[in-house]
Amino acid sequence: MSKNNNELIIAEMQAAIEQLEFKLAFQEDSIEQLNKIVINQQYTVDKQAQLITGLVDKFKSIQAGNTEPNQDNELPPHY
C-alpha cells in the first residue's frame, strides 16, 4: 500500500470515529432527557396513587357511616 492509500484509510477511519462520537453524544443526551421524563412520570404516578388511596379511605368512611338504617329512605310498612 502506498502512503496515499494509508492516509486515505486513516482519514476514513477518523471520519467514522467522529460520526460514532457524534451519535454517542446524541444518544447520551436522549437518554438523559428520557430519564428526566421517566422521573417526572413516576412522581405523577406516586402522587395519583396517594390521591386514590385517600379517595378509597374517604369512600370507605362514607360507606361505614351509611351502614345504619336510614328510616327516611325506607318505604312505609304498607308497601
N, C-alpha and C. Protein backbone atom coordinates (compact mmCIF):
# COMPACT_ATOMS: atom_id res chain seq x y z
N MET A 1 0.84 -1.17 0.00
CA MET A 1 0.00 0.00 0.00
C MET A 1 0.88 1.24 0.00
N SER A 2 0.38 2.20 -0.68
CA SER A 2 1.15 3.43 -0.75
C SER A 2 0.80 4.35 0.40
N LYS A 3 1.61 5.37 0.54
CA LYS A 3 1.41 6.33 1.61
C LYS A 3 0.06 7.04 1.46
N ASN A 4 -0.36 7.34 0.24
CA ASN A 4 -1.64 7.99 -0.02
C ASN A 4 -2.81 7.09 0.36
N ASN A 5 -2.64 5.82 0.10
CA ASN A 5 -3.69 4.86 0.46
C ASN A 5 -3.85 4.79 1.97
N ASN A 6 -2.75 4.73 2.67
CA ASN A 6 -2.78 4.69 4.14
C ASN A 6 -3.41 5.96 4.70
N GLU A 7 -3.04 7.10 4.15
CA GLU A 7 -3.61 8.36 4.61
C GLU A 7 -5.11 8.42 4.35
N LEU A 8 -5.54 7.88 3.22
CA LEU A 8 -6.97 7.84 2.90
C LEU A 8 -7.72 6.94 3.88
N ILE A 9 -7.15 5.79 4.17
CA ILE A 9 -7.78 4.87 5.12
C ILE A 9 -7.85 5.50 6.51
N ILE A 10 -6.77 6.16 6.92
CA ILE A 10 -6.75 6.81 8.23
C ILE A 10 -7.79 7.93 8.28
N ALA A 11 -7.91 8.70 7.23
CA ALA A 11 -8.90 9.78 7.17
C ALA A 11 -10.32 9.22 7.24
N GLU A 12 -10.57 8.11 6.53
CA GLU A 12 -11.90 7.49 6.58
C GLU A 12 -12.21 6.95 7.97
N MET A 13 -11.20 6.37 8.60
CA MET A 13 -11.40 5.84 9.96
C MET A 13 -11.66 6.98 10.95
N GLN A 14 -10.94 8.08 10.79
CA GLN A 14 -11.16 9.23 11.66
C GLN A 14 -12.56 9.79 11.47
N ALA A 15 -13.02 9.84 10.23
CA ALA A 15 -14.37 10.33 9.95
C ALA A 15 -15.41 9.40 10.57
N ALA A 16 -15.16 8.09 10.46
CA ALA A 16 -16.09 7.12 11.05
C ALA A 16 -16.11 7.25 12.57
N ILE A 17 -14.95 7.45 13.17
CA ILE A 17 -14.88 7.62 14.62
C ILE A 17 -15.61 8.89 15.05
N GLU A 18 -15.45 9.96 14.30
CA GLU A 18 -16.14 11.21 14.62
C GLU A 18 -17.64 11.04 14.54
N GLN A 19 -18.10 10.28 13.52
CA GLN A 19 -19.55 10.02 13.40
C GLN A 19 -20.04 9.22 14.61
N LEU A 20 -19.27 8.23 15.01
CA LEU A 20 -19.66 7.43 16.17
C LEU A 20 -19.68 8.26 17.44
N GLU A 21 -18.71 9.15 17.60
CA GLU A 21 -18.68 10.03 18.77
C GLU A 21 -19.90 10.95 18.77
N PHE A 22 -20.26 11.46 17.59
CA PHE A 22 -21.44 12.32 17.49
C PHE A 22 -22.70 11.54 17.86
N LYS A 23 -22.83 10.33 17.33
CA LYS A 23 -24.00 9.51 17.63
C LYS A 23 -24.06 9.17 19.12
N LEU A 24 -22.92 8.87 19.71
CA LEU A 24 -22.87 8.55 21.13
C LEU A 24 -23.30 9.75 21.97
N ALA A 25 -22.82 10.92 21.62
CA ALA A 25 -23.19 12.13 22.36
C ALA A 25 -24.70 12.38 22.23
N PHE A 26 -25.23 12.17 21.03
CA PHE A 26 -26.67 12.36 20.82
C PHE A 26 -27.47 11.35 21.64
N GLN A 27 -27.01 10.09 21.68
CA GLN A 27 -27.70 9.07 22.46
C GLN A 27 -27.64 9.36 23.95
N GLU A 28 -26.51 9.83 24.42
CA GLU A 28 -26.39 10.18 25.83
C GLU A 28 -27.36 11.30 26.19
N ASP A 29 -27.49 12.28 25.32
CA ASP A 29 -28.44 13.38 25.55
C ASP A 29 -29.87 12.85 25.54
N SER A 30 -30.17 11.98 24.59
CA SER A 30 -31.51 11.40 24.51
C SER A 30 -31.84 10.60 25.76
N ILE A 31 -30.89 9.81 26.23
CA ILE A 31 -31.10 9.00 27.43
C ILE A 31 -31.33 9.90 28.64
N GLU A 32 -30.58 10.98 28.74
CA GLU A 32 -30.75 11.92 29.85
C GLU A 32 -32.14 12.54 29.82
N GLN A 33 -32.60 12.94 28.63
CA GLN A 33 -33.93 13.53 28.51
C GLN A 33 -35.01 12.50 28.86
N LEU A 34 -34.85 11.27 28.38
CA LEU A 34 -35.83 10.23 28.69
C LEU A 34 -35.84 9.91 30.18
N ASN A 35 -34.68 9.93 30.80
CA ASN A 35 -34.60 9.68 32.23
C ASN A 35 -35.38 10.75 33.00
N LYS A 36 -35.25 12.01 32.60
CA LYS A 36 -35.99 13.09 33.25
C LYS A 36 -37.50 12.88 33.08
N ILE A 37 -37.90 12.45 31.91
CA ILE A 37 -39.32 12.19 31.65
C ILE A 37 -39.83 11.06 32.54
N VAL A 38 -39.05 9.99 32.66
CA VAL A 38 -39.45 8.85 33.49
C VAL A 38 -39.55 9.27 34.96
N ILE A 39 -38.61 10.08 35.42
CA ILE A 39 -38.65 10.56 36.80
C ILE A 39 -39.92 11.38 37.03
N ASN A 40 -40.25 12.27 36.10
CA ASN A 40 -41.48 13.09 36.23
C ASN A 40 -42.73 12.22 36.21
N GLN A 41 -42.74 11.20 35.34
CA GLN A 41 -43.90 10.32 35.28
C GLN A 41 -44.05 9.51 36.56
N GLN A 42 -42.94 9.06 37.12
CA GLN A 42 -43.01 8.31 38.37
C GLN A 42 -43.54 9.18 39.50
N TYR A 43 -43.11 10.44 39.51
CA TYR A 43 -43.62 11.38 40.51
C TYR A 43 -45.14 11.53 40.36
N THR A 44 -45.60 11.65 39.11
CA THR A 44 -47.03 11.79 38.85
C THR A 44 -47.79 10.53 39.27
N VAL A 45 -47.25 9.37 38.97
CA VAL A 45 -47.89 8.11 39.35
C VAL A 45 -47.97 7.99 40.87
N ASP A 46 -46.89 8.32 41.55
CA ASP A 46 -46.90 8.27 43.02
C ASP A 46 -47.93 9.21 43.61
N LYS A 47 -48.02 10.41 43.05
CA LYS A 47 -48.99 11.40 43.53
C LYS A 47 -50.42 10.91 43.30
N GLN A 48 -50.67 10.31 42.13
CA GLN A 48 -52.00 9.79 41.83
C GLN A 48 -52.34 8.62 42.75
N ALA A 49 -51.37 7.79 43.04
CA ALA A 49 -51.61 6.66 43.95
C ALA A 49 -52.00 7.16 45.34
N GLN A 50 -51.34 8.22 45.80
CA GLN A 50 -51.70 8.80 47.10
C GLN A 50 -53.11 9.36 47.07
N LEU A 51 -53.47 10.04 45.98
CA LEU A 51 -54.82 10.60 45.87
C LEU A 51 -55.87 9.49 45.84
N ILE A 52 -55.59 8.42 45.11
CA ILE A 52 -56.54 7.31 45.03
C ILE A 52 -56.70 6.65 46.40
N THR A 53 -55.59 6.48 47.10
CA THR A 53 -55.66 5.90 48.44
C THR A 53 -56.53 6.78 49.35
N GLY A 54 -56.35 8.09 49.26
CA GLY A 54 -57.17 9.00 50.04
C GLY A 54 -58.64 8.91 49.68
N LEU A 55 -58.92 8.80 48.39
CA LEU A 55 -60.32 8.68 47.96
C LEU A 55 -60.94 7.37 48.42
N VAL A 56 -60.17 6.29 48.37
CA VAL A 56 -60.67 4.99 48.84
C VAL A 56 -60.98 5.06 50.33
N ASP A 57 -60.09 5.68 51.08
CA ASP A 57 -60.32 5.82 52.53
C ASP A 57 -61.58 6.65 52.80
N LYS A 58 -61.75 7.75 52.06
CA LYS A 58 -62.95 8.57 52.23
C LYS A 58 -64.21 7.78 51.88
N PHE A 59 -64.14 7.04 50.79
CA PHE A 59 -65.29 6.25 50.35
C PHE A 59 -65.65 5.20 51.40
N LYS A 60 -64.63 4.55 51.96
CA LYS A 60 -64.89 3.55 52.99
C LYS A 60 -65.50 4.18 54.23
N SER A 61 -65.03 5.38 54.60
CA SER A 61 -65.60 6.04 55.78
C SER A 61 -67.03 6.48 55.52
N ILE A 62 -67.33 6.89 54.31
CA ILE A 62 -68.71 7.27 53.96
C ILE A 62 -69.60 6.04 54.00
N GLN A 63 -69.10 4.92 53.46
CA GLN A 63 -69.88 3.69 53.48
C GLN A 63 -70.10 3.22 54.91
N ALA A 64 -69.08 3.33 55.75
CA ALA A 64 -69.22 2.92 57.14
C ALA A 64 -70.24 3.80 57.85
N GLY A 65 -70.30 5.06 57.52
CA GLY A 65 -71.27 5.97 58.13
C GLY A 65 -72.69 5.70 57.65
N ASN A 66 -72.84 5.10 56.49
CA ASN A 66 -74.16 4.83 55.92
C ASN A 66 -74.67 3.42 56.23
N THR A 67 -74.01 2.67 57.09
CA THR A 67 -74.46 1.32 57.39
C THR A 67 -75.65 1.30 58.33
N GLU A 68 -75.88 2.38 59.04
CA GLU A 68 -77.04 2.46 59.92
C GLU A 68 -78.29 2.61 59.06
N PRO A 69 -79.33 1.92 59.44
CA PRO A 69 -80.56 2.05 58.64
C PRO A 69 -81.09 3.48 58.71
N ASN A 70 -81.41 3.99 57.57
CA ASN A 70 -81.93 5.35 57.47
C ASN A 70 -83.43 5.24 57.24
N GLN A 71 -84.21 5.62 58.23
CA GLN A 71 -85.66 5.46 58.13
C GLN A 71 -86.29 6.46 57.18
N ASP A 72 -85.59 7.50 56.82
CA ASP A 72 -86.14 8.46 55.87
C ASP A 72 -86.24 7.85 54.47
N ASN A 73 -85.36 6.92 54.16
CA ASN A 73 -85.34 6.33 52.82
C ASN A 73 -86.13 5.02 52.75
N GLU A 74 -86.59 4.50 53.87
CA GLU A 74 -87.33 3.25 53.87
C GLU A 74 -88.78 3.49 53.51
N LEU A 75 -89.37 2.48 52.86
CA LEU A 75 -90.78 2.58 52.50
C LEU A 75 -91.64 2.29 53.74
N PRO A 76 -92.78 2.89 53.81
CA PRO A 76 -93.68 2.58 54.92
C PRO A 76 -94.09 1.10 54.89
N PRO A 77 -94.52 0.57 56.02
CA PRO A 77 -94.84 -0.87 56.11
C PRO A 77 -95.98 -1.32 55.18
N HIS A 78 -96.85 -0.42 54.77
CA HIS A 78 -97.99 -0.87 53.96
C HIS A 78 -97.61 -1.08 52.49
N TYR A 79 -96.38 -0.86 52.07
CA TYR A 79 -95.99 -1.11 50.68
C TYR A 79 -95.62 -2.52 50.50
